[in-house]
Amino acid sequence: MTVPQASLAGRRILVTGGATGIGAAAVRVLHAAGAGLAATYHKTSPADDAPAVAWVQCDVRDADSVDAALGDAVREL
């Protein structure tokens, strides 16, 4: 069964934890649908074959890191 892809062209999305697991899958699907993306990673850098999105390092346990990552994401998008 083929699932139709909705176009997300013109949409801007921030994915937290985008380098691995479910977050990485979300980045791939959203990128394929045409969304502008910023994605965060903590310690594990994105895979070499990850989509070309705005990657931002972020430790969600640290409020200053979250503030900086959000500012970077806004500037990139």
C-alpha atoms as a PDB file:
ATOM      1  CA  MET A   1       0.000   0.000   0.000  1.00  0.00           C
ATOM      2  CA  THR A   2       1.386   3.395  -0.959  1.00  0.00           C
ATOM      3  CA  VAL A   3       0.775   6.284   1.408  1.00  0.00           C
ATOM      4  CA  PRO A   4       0.440   9.634  -0.368  1.00  0.00           C
ATOM      5  CA  GLN A   5       2.971  12.235   0.761  1.00  0.00           C
ATOM      6  CA  ALA A   6       1.543  15.578   1.820  1.00  0.00           C
ATOM      7  CA  SER A   7       3.532  18.590   0.707  1.00  0.00           C
ATOM      8  CA  LEU A   8       5.022  20.552   3.569  1.00  0.00           C
ATOM      9  CA  ALA A   9       6.721  23.095   1.311  1.00  0.00           C
ATOM     10  CA  GLY A  10       6.874  26.440   3.067  1.00  0.00           C
ATOM     11  CA  ARG A  11       6.468  24.893   6.524  1.00  0.00           C
ATOM     12  CA  ARG A  12       9.262  25.242   9.077  1.00  0.00           C
ATOM     13  CA  ILE A  13       9.664  22.517  11.669  1.00  0.00           C
ATOM     14  CA  LEU A  14      11.973  21.944  14.634  1.00  0.00           C
ATOM     15  CA  VAL A  15      12.618  18.280  15.479  1.00  0.00           C
ATOM     16  CA  THR A  16      14.193  17.574  18.850  1.00  0.00           C
ATOM     17  CA  GLY A  17      16.378  14.491  19.094  1.00  0.00           C
ATOM     18  CA  GLY A  18      16.595  14.286  15.318  1.00  0.00           C
ATOM     19  CA  ALA A  19      19.888  12.411  14.995  1.00  0.00           C
ATOM     20  CA  THR A  20      18.719   8.959  16.093  1.00  0.00           C
ATOM     21  CA  GLY A  21      15.702   6.694  16.364  1.00  0.00           C
ATOM     22  CA  ILE A  22      12.224   8.089  15.860  1.00  0.00           C
ATOM     23  CA  GLY A  23      13.574  11.635  15.578  1.00  0.00           C
ATOM     24  CA  ALA A  24      15.838  10.635  12.682  1.00  0.00           C
ATOM     25  CA  ALA A  25      12.919   8.947  10.943  1.00  0.00           C
ATOM     26  CA  ALA A  26      10.815  12.087  11.421  1.00  0.00           C
ATOM     27  CA  VAL A  27      13.597  14.242   9.929  1.00  0.00           C
ATOM     28  CA  ARG A  28      13.761  12.024   6.838  1.00  0.00           C
ATOM     29  CA  VAL A  29       9.974  11.995   6.279  1.00  0.00           C
ATOM     30  CA  LEU A  30       9.545  15.723   6.884  1.00  0.00           C
ATOM     31  CA  HIS A  31      12.530  16.568   4.668  1.00  0.00           C
ATOM     32  CA  ALA A  32      11.142  14.356   1.889  1.00  0.00           C
ATOM     33  CA  ALA A  33       7.810  16.191   2.194  1.00  0.00           C
ATOM     34  CA  GLY A  34       9.557  19.507   1.546  1.00  0.00           C
ATOM     35  CA  ALA A  35       9.571  21.085   4.997  1.00  0.00           C
ATOM     36  CA  GLY A  36      12.294  23.463   6.098  1.00  0.00           C
ATOM     37  CA  LEU A  37      13.907  21.747   9.070  1.00  0.00           C
ATOM     38  CA  ALA A  38      16.084  22.421  12.032  1.00  0.00           C
ATOM     39  CA  ALA A  39      16.893  19.379  14.139  1.00  0.00           C
ATOM     40  CA  THR A  40      18.657  19.001  17.449  1.00  0.00           C
ATOM     41  CA  TYR A  41      21.090  16.384  18.627  1.00  0.00           C
ATOM     42  CA  HIS A  42      22.671  15.941  22.039  1.00  0.00           C
ATOM     43  CA  LYS A  43      25.895  13.921  21.868  1.00  0.00           C
ATOM     44  CA  THR A  44      25.352  11.685  18.842  1.00  0.00           C
ATOM     45  CA  SER A  45      26.001  13.657  15.672  1.00  0.00           C
ATOM     46  CA  PRO A  46      23.687  13.094  12.710  1.00  0.00           C
ATOM     47  CA  ALA A  47      24.566  10.192  10.416  1.00  0.00           C
ATOM     48  CA  ASP A  48      26.679  10.948   7.352  1.00  0.00           C
ATOM     49  CA  ASP A  49      23.675  10.191   5.126  1.00  0.00           C
ATOM     50  CA  ALA A  50      21.274  12.396   7.138  1.00  0.00           C
ATOM     51  CA  PRO A  51      19.352  15.028   5.168  1.00  0.00           C
ATOM     52  CA  ALA A  52      20.920  18.450   4.811  1.00  0.00           C
ATOM     53  CA  VAL A  53      18.966  20.320   7.469  1.00  0.00           C
ATOM     54  CA  ALA A  54      20.036  22.884  10.080  1.00  0.00           C
ATOM     55  CA  TRP A  55      21.603  20.666  12.766  1.00  0.00           C
ATOM     56  CA  VAL A  56      21.837  22.257  16.217  1.00  0.00           C
ATOM     57  CA  GLN A  57      23.544  20.758  19.269  1.00  0.00           C
ATOM     58  CA  CYS A  58      21.311  20.943  22.356  1.00  0.00           C
ATOM     59  CA  ASP A  59      21.201  19.495  25.863  1.00  0.00           C
ATOM     60  CA  VAL A  60      17.549  19.765  26.928  1.00  0.00           C
ATOM     61  CA  ARG A  61      18.592  19.438  30.583  1.00  0.00           C
ATOM     62  CA  ASP A  62      20.282  22.857  30.347  1.00  0.00           C
ATOM     63  CA  ALA A  63      17.994  25.886  29.915  1.00  0.00           C
ATOM     64  CA  ASP A  64      20.784  28.000  28.384  1.00  0.00           C
ATOM     65  CA  SER A  65      21.483  25.280  25.821  1.00  0.00           C
ATOM     66  CA  VAL A  66      17.791  25.140  24.914  1.00  0.00           C
ATOM     67  CA  ASP A  67      17.612  28.928  24.549  1.00  0.00           C
ATOM     68  CA  ALA A  68      20.716  28.965  22.340  1.00  0.00           C
ATOM     69  CA  ALA A  69      19.477  26.058  20.199  1.00  0.00           C
ATOM     70  CA  LEU A  70      16.084  27.677  19.699  1.00  0.00           C
ATOM     71  CA  GLY A  71      17.724  30.960  18.686  1.00  0.00           C
ATOM     72  CA  ASP A  72      19.994  29.113  16.231  1.00  0.00           C
ATOM     73  CA  ALA A  73      17.017  27.223  14.779  1.00  0.00           C
ATOM     74  CA  VAL A  74      15.011  30.424  14.312  1.00  0.00           C
ATOM     75  CA  ARG A  75      17.939  32.107  12.538  1.00  0.00           C
ATOM     76  CA  GLU A  76      18.462  29.093  10.270  1.00  0.00           C
ATOM     77  CA  LEU A  77      14.802  28.757   9.353  1.00  0.00           C
END
